[in-house]
Amino acid sequence: MISIIAAIGKNNELGKNNTLLWHIPADMKHFREITYGHPVIMGRKTFESIGKSLPNRKNIVITRDVKYKKDGAEVVHSLAEALDLFPDTNEEIFIIGGAEIYKQAMVVADRLYITHIEAKDSEADSFFPEIIPVVWNEVKHEEYKGGKENPFNYTFSIYKKN
């Protein structure tokens, strides 16, 4: 199963200058819990913005640079090549960014784990693709109020492809 996980603003904002727009500890914990023990596929810029391989996950990095190598990550040159590493379709594989990889993966993904953040950022320079209701059905919806640690209201949603 191919799943996408992302946190997006009201206008599908993802980030700015290869960094996340908002710091929400509950979302980081949610990400860790869901992806723990599963392969994660990401673009090179996302990998470099994280700064290291994610522990207890097989890290796959997609780049056009044929000379690119990083400890703790397997490097491939396309989303198709990354997915070919996992012929067992029962294993849940996570696409974790960035914007271009998300765009490519929406066609092949079976499930979306989306944190909807009740905020906007007019300076965002990367965006998540539109979640089209005729394609995606929301099957889980959990709302949370912002507070001291998590400054924005947010919703954890799961979508399955129709």
C-alpha atoms as a PDB file:
ATOM      1  CA  MET A   1       0.000   0.000   0.000  1.00  0.00           C
ATOM      2  CA  ILE A   2       1.291   3.452  -0.920  1.00  0.00           C
ATOM      3  CA  SER A   3       0.458   6.219   1.538  1.00  0.00           C
ATOM      4  CA  ILE A   4       1.211   9.915   1.535  1.00  0.00           C
ATOM      5  CA  ILE A   5       1.688  11.847   4.771  1.00  0.00           C
ATOM      6  CA  ALA A   6       1.779  15.645   4.925  1.00  0.00           C
ATOM      7  CA  ALA A   7       0.833  18.685   6.991  1.00  0.00           C
ATOM      8  CA  ILE A   8      -0.826  21.455   5.005  1.00  0.00           C
ATOM      9  CA  GLY A   9      -2.260  24.907   5.597  1.00  0.00           C
ATOM     10  CA  LYS A  10      -5.662  26.237   4.562  1.00  0.00           C
ATOM     11  CA  ASN A  11      -4.405  26.882   1.017  1.00  0.00           C
ATOM     12  CA  ASN A  12      -2.495  23.579   0.771  1.00  0.00           C
ATOM     13  CA  GLU A  13       0.744  25.276   1.825  1.00  0.00           C
ATOM     14  CA  LEU A  14       3.593  22.902   2.645  1.00  0.00           C
ATOM     15  CA  GLY A  15       6.687  24.984   3.180  1.00  0.00           C
ATOM     16  CA  LYS A  16       8.982  27.846   2.380  1.00  0.00           C
ATOM     17  CA  ASN A  17      12.678  27.638   1.480  1.00  0.00           C
ATOM     18  CA  ASN A  18      12.674  23.866   2.118  1.00  0.00           C
ATOM     19  CA  THR A  19      11.414  24.219   5.681  1.00  0.00           C
ATOM     20  CA  LEU A  20       8.045  23.491   7.252  1.00  0.00           C
ATOM     21  CA  LEU A  21       5.844  26.517   7.848  1.00  0.00           C
ATOM     22  CA  TRP A  22       4.545  25.563  11.279  1.00  0.00           C
ATOM     23  CA  HIS A  23       5.957  23.796  14.323  1.00  0.00           C
ATOM     24  CA  ILE A  24       3.284  21.586  15.847  1.00  0.00           C
ATOM     25  CA  PRO A  25       4.769  18.983  18.227  1.00  0.00           C
ATOM     26  CA  ALA A  26       1.592  16.859  18.123  1.00  0.00           C
ATOM     27  CA  ASP A  27       1.928  16.589  14.341  1.00  0.00           C
ATOM     28  CA  MET A  28       5.582  15.551  14.610  1.00  0.00           C
ATOM     29  CA  LYS A  29       4.594  12.850  17.110  1.00  0.00           C
ATOM     30  CA  HIS A  30       1.761  11.734  14.817  1.00  0.00           C
ATOM     31  CA  PHE A  31       4.229  11.508  11.897  1.00  0.00           C
ATOM     32  CA  ARG A  32       6.695   9.430  13.938  1.00  0.00           C
ATOM     33  CA  GLU A  33       4.017   7.025  15.172  1.00  0.00           C
ATOM     34  CA  ILE A  34       2.491   6.441  11.746  1.00  0.00           C
ATOM     35  CA  THR A  35       5.734   6.055   9.773  1.00  0.00           C
ATOM     36  CA  TYR A  36       7.725   4.139  12.433  1.00  0.00           C
ATOM     37  CA  GLY A  37       9.022   0.847  11.045  1.00  0.00           C
ATOM     38  CA  HIS A  38       7.859   1.613   7.505  1.00  0.00           C
ATOM     39  CA  PRO A  39       9.847   2.658   4.437  1.00  0.00           C
ATOM     40  CA  VAL A  40       9.787   6.396   3.697  1.00  0.00           C
ATOM     41  CA  ILE A  41      10.317   7.872   0.243  1.00  0.00           C
ATOM     42  CA  MET A  42      11.290  11.510  -0.157  1.00  0.00           C
ATOM     43  CA  GLY A  43      12.921  13.929  -2.544  1.00  0.00           C
ATOM     44  CA  ARG A  44      16.505  15.060  -2.044  1.00  0.00           C
ATOM     45  CA  LYS A  45      15.527  18.522  -0.789  1.00  0.00           C
ATOM     46  CA  THR A  46      13.234  17.007   1.836  1.00  0.00           C
ATOM     47  CA  PHE A  47      15.982  14.627   2.950  1.00  0.00           C
ATOM     48  CA  GLU A  48      18.473  17.483   3.235  1.00  0.00           C
ATOM     49  CA  SER A  49      15.994  19.663   5.138  1.00  0.00           C
ATOM     50  CA  ILE A  50      15.556  16.847   7.693  1.00  0.00           C
ATOM     51  CA  GLY A  51      19.339  16.639   7.912  1.00  0.00           C
ATOM     52  CA  LYS A  52      19.641  12.914   8.583  1.00  0.00           C
ATOM     53  CA  SER A  53      18.040   9.561   7.949  1.00  0.00           C
ATOM     54  CA  LEU A  54      14.874   8.956   9.923  1.00  0.00           C
ATOM     55  CA  PRO A  55      15.539   6.223  12.500  1.00  0.00           C
ATOM     56  CA  ASN A  56      13.764   2.857  12.387  1.00  0.00           C
ATOM     57  CA  ARG A  57      12.645   3.397   8.798  1.00  0.00           C
ATOM     58  CA  LYS A  58      14.171   2.496   5.452  1.00  0.00           C
ATOM     59  CA  ASN A  59      14.959   5.895   3.893  1.00  0.00           C
ATOM     60  CA  ILE A  60      14.695   6.200   0.109  1.00  0.00           C
ATOM     61  CA  VAL A  61      15.817   9.465  -1.508  1.00  0.00           C
ATOM     62  CA  ILE A  62      14.833  10.443  -5.044  1.00  0.00           C
ATOM     63  CA  THR A  63      17.218  12.691  -6.972  1.00  0.00           C
ATOM     64  CA  ARG A  64      18.204  13.348 -10.574  1.00  0.00           C
ATOM     65  CA  ASP A  65      21.865  13.555  -9.497  1.00  0.00           C
ATOM     66  CA  VAL A  66      23.430  10.199 -10.412  1.00  0.00           C
ATOM     67  CA  LYS A  67      26.426  10.886  -8.133  1.00  0.00           C
ATOM     68  CA  TYR A  68      24.364  11.680  -5.030  1.00  0.00           C
ATOM     69  CA  LYS A  69      25.056   9.411  -2.033  1.00  0.00           C
ATOM     70  CA  LYS A  70      24.122   9.711   1.627  1.00  0.00           C
ATOM     71  CA  ASP A  71      24.746   7.429   4.578  1.00  0.00           C
ATOM     72  CA  GLY A  72      21.587   5.844   5.897  1.00  0.00           C
ATOM     73  CA  ALA A  73      19.613   6.309   2.691  1.00  0.00           C
ATOM     74  CA  GLU A  74      19.146   4.408  -0.525  1.00  0.00           C
ATOM     75  CA  VAL A  75      19.309   6.730  -3.520  1.00  0.00           C
ATOM     76  CA  VAL A  76      17.098   6.258  -6.585  1.00  0.00           C
ATOM     77  CA  HIS A  77      16.314   8.444  -9.565  1.00  0.00           C
ATOM     78  CA  SER A  78      12.530   8.262  -9.935  1.00  0.00           C
ATOM     79  CA  LEU A  79       9.408   7.524  -7.953  1.00  0.00           C
ATOM     80  CA  ALA A  80       8.876   4.385 -10.044  1.00  0.00           C
ATOM     81  CA  GLU A  81      12.373   3.157  -9.159  1.00  0.00           C
ATOM     82  CA  ALA A  82      11.680   3.816  -5.467  1.00  0.00           C
ATOM     83  CA  LEU A  83       8.396   1.905  -5.564  1.00  0.00           C
ATOM     84  CA  ASP A  84      10.033  -1.001  -7.415  1.00  0.00           C
ATOM     85  CA  LEU A  85      12.115  -1.608  -4.271  1.00  0.00           C
ATOM     86  CA  PHE A  86       8.924  -2.829  -2.567  1.00  0.00           C
ATOM     87  CA  PRO A  87       7.227  -5.500  -4.680  1.00  0.00           C
ATOM     88  CA  ASP A  88       5.136  -6.662  -1.683  1.00  0.00           C
ATOM     89  CA  THR A  89       2.108  -4.380  -2.002  1.00  0.00           C
ATOM     90  CA  ASN A  90       0.868  -5.378   1.480  1.00  0.00           C
ATOM     91  CA  GLU A  91       3.653  -3.330   3.068  1.00  0.00           C
ATOM     92  CA  GLU A  92       2.695   0.278   3.765  1.00  0.00           C
ATOM     93  CA  ILE A  93       5.164   2.647   2.121  1.00  0.00           C
ATOM     94  CA  PHE A  94       5.096   6.348   2.983  1.00  0.00           C
ATOM     95  CA  ILE A  95       5.737   9.256   0.648  1.00  0.00           C
ATOM     96  CA  ILE A  96       6.886  12.125   2.882  1.00  0.00           C
ATOM     97  CA  GLY A  97       7.620  14.946   0.421  1.00  0.00           C
ATOM     98  CA  GLY A  98       8.362  17.313  -1.068  1.00  0.00           C
ATOM     99  CA  ALA A  99       5.847  19.019  -3.321  1.00  0.00           C
ATOM    100  CA  GLU A 100       7.034  17.503  -6.614  1.00  0.00           C
ATOM    101  CA  ILE A 101       7.169  13.977  -5.187  1.00  0.00           C
ATOM    102  CA  TYR A 102       3.686  14.426  -3.698  1.00  0.00           C
ATOM    103  CA  LYS A 103       2.382  15.545  -7.087  1.00  0.00           C
ATOM    104  CA  GLN A 104       3.788  12.437  -8.784  1.00  0.00           C
ATOM    105  CA  ALA A 105       2.621  10.110  -6.005  1.00  0.00           C
ATOM    106  CA  MET A 106      -1.031  11.235  -5.943  1.00  0.00           C
ATOM    107  CA  VAL A 107      -1.661   9.067  -9.003  1.00  0.00           C
ATOM    108  CA  VAL A 108      -0.380   5.862  -7.389  1.00  0.00           C
ATOM    109  CA  ALA A 109      -1.229   6.477  -3.719  1.00  0.00           C
ATOM    110  CA  ASP A 110      -3.922   4.455  -1.952  1.00  0.00           C
ATOM    111  CA  ARG A 111      -4.187   6.520   1.231  1.00  0.00           C
ATOM    112  CA  LEU A 112      -3.483  10.047   2.484  1.00  0.00           C
ATOM    113  CA  TYR A 113      -2.645  10.972   6.079  1.00  0.00           C
ATOM    114  CA  ILE A 114      -3.145  14.722   6.147  1.00  0.00           C
ATOM    115  CA  THR A 115      -2.772  17.159   9.014  1.00  0.00           C
ATOM    116  CA  HIS A 116      -4.930  20.158   8.103  1.00  0.00           C
ATOM    117  CA  ILE A 117      -3.570  23.186   9.942  1.00  0.00           C
ATOM    118  CA  GLU A 118      -5.966  26.077  10.497  1.00  0.00           C
ATOM    119  CA  ALA A 119      -3.467  28.673   9.310  1.00  0.00           C
ATOM    120  CA  LYS A 120      -2.320  30.399   6.126  1.00  0.00           C
ATOM    121  CA  ASP A 121       1.089  31.569   4.984  1.00  0.00           C
ATOM    122  CA  SER A 122       1.202  33.956   2.032  1.00  0.00           C
ATOM    123  CA  GLU A 123       4.959  33.434   1.658  1.00  0.00           C
ATOM    124  CA  ALA A 124       4.761  29.667   1.098  1.00  0.00           C
ATOM    125  CA  ASP A 125       6.602  28.482  -1.985  1.00  0.00           C
ATOM    126  CA  SER A 126       5.564  24.822  -2.048  1.00  0.00           C
ATOM    127  CA  PHE A 127       2.066  23.404  -2.068  1.00  0.00           C
ATOM    128  CA  PHE A 128       0.331  20.048  -1.719  1.00  0.00           C
ATOM    129  CA  PRO A 129      -1.784  18.930  -4.689  1.00  0.00           C
ATOM    130  CA  GLU A 130      -5.533  19.437  -4.454  1.00  0.00           C
ATOM    131  CA  ILE A 131      -7.392  16.624  -2.674  1.00  0.00           C
ATOM    132  CA  ILE A 132     -10.260  16.039  -5.103  1.00  0.00           C
ATOM    133  CA  PRO A 133     -13.384  14.672  -3.339  1.00  0.00           C
ATOM    134  CA  VAL A 134     -14.443  12.443  -6.257  1.00  0.00           C
ATOM    135  CA  VAL A 135     -11.031  10.748  -6.039  1.00  0.00           C
ATOM    136  CA  TRP A 136     -10.475  10.782  -2.261  1.00  0.00           C
ATOM    137  CA  ASN A 137     -12.928   9.850   0.496  1.00  0.00           C
ATOM    138  CA  GLU A 138     -12.218  11.103   4.029  1.00  0.00           C
ATOM    139  CA  VAL A 139     -12.552   8.087   6.337  1.00  0.00           C
ATOM    140  CA  LYS A 140     -11.181   9.585   9.569  1.00  0.00           C
ATOM    141  CA  HIS A 141     -11.404  13.112  10.943  1.00  0.00           C
ATOM    142  CA  GLU A 142     -10.039  14.135  14.374  1.00  0.00           C
ATOM    143  CA  GLU A 143     -10.102  17.823  15.342  1.00  0.00           C
ATOM    144  CA  TYR A 144      -7.788  19.371  17.930  1.00  0.00           C
ATOM    145  CA  LYS A 145      -7.711  22.850  19.443  1.00  0.00           C
ATOM    146  CA  GLY A 146      -4.497  24.805  19.513  1.00  0.00           C
ATOM    147  CA  GLY A 147      -2.898  25.656  22.819  1.00  0.00           C
ATOM    148  CA  LYS A 148       0.417  26.451  24.434  1.00  0.00           C
ATOM    149  CA  GLU A 149       2.445  23.666  22.771  1.00  0.00           C
ATOM    150  CA  ASN A 150       0.477  23.405  19.529  1.00  0.00           C
ATOM    151  CA  PRO A 151      -0.342  26.997  18.569  1.00  0.00           C
ATOM    152  CA  PHE A 152      -2.892  26.278  15.809  1.00  0.00           C
ATOM    153  CA  ASN A 153      -6.115  24.331  15.556  1.00  0.00           C
ATOM    154  CA  TYR A 154      -5.518  21.278  13.401  1.00  0.00           C
ATOM    155  CA  THR A 155      -7.230  18.148  12.126  1.00  0.00           C
ATOM    156  CA  PHE A 156      -5.777  14.698  11.484  1.00  0.00           C
ATOM    157  CA  SER A 157      -7.552  13.226   8.460  1.00  0.00           C
ATOM    158  CA  ILE A 158      -7.196   9.953   6.598  1.00  0.00           C
ATOM    159  CA  TYR A 159      -8.398   9.672   3.016  1.00  0.00           C
ATOM    160  CA  LYS A 160      -8.786   6.532   0.937  1.00  0.00           C
ATOM    161  CA  LYS A 161      -8.880   6.506  -2.817  1.00  0.00           C
ATOM    162  CA  ASN A 162     -12.381   5.889  -4.208  1.00  0.00           C
END
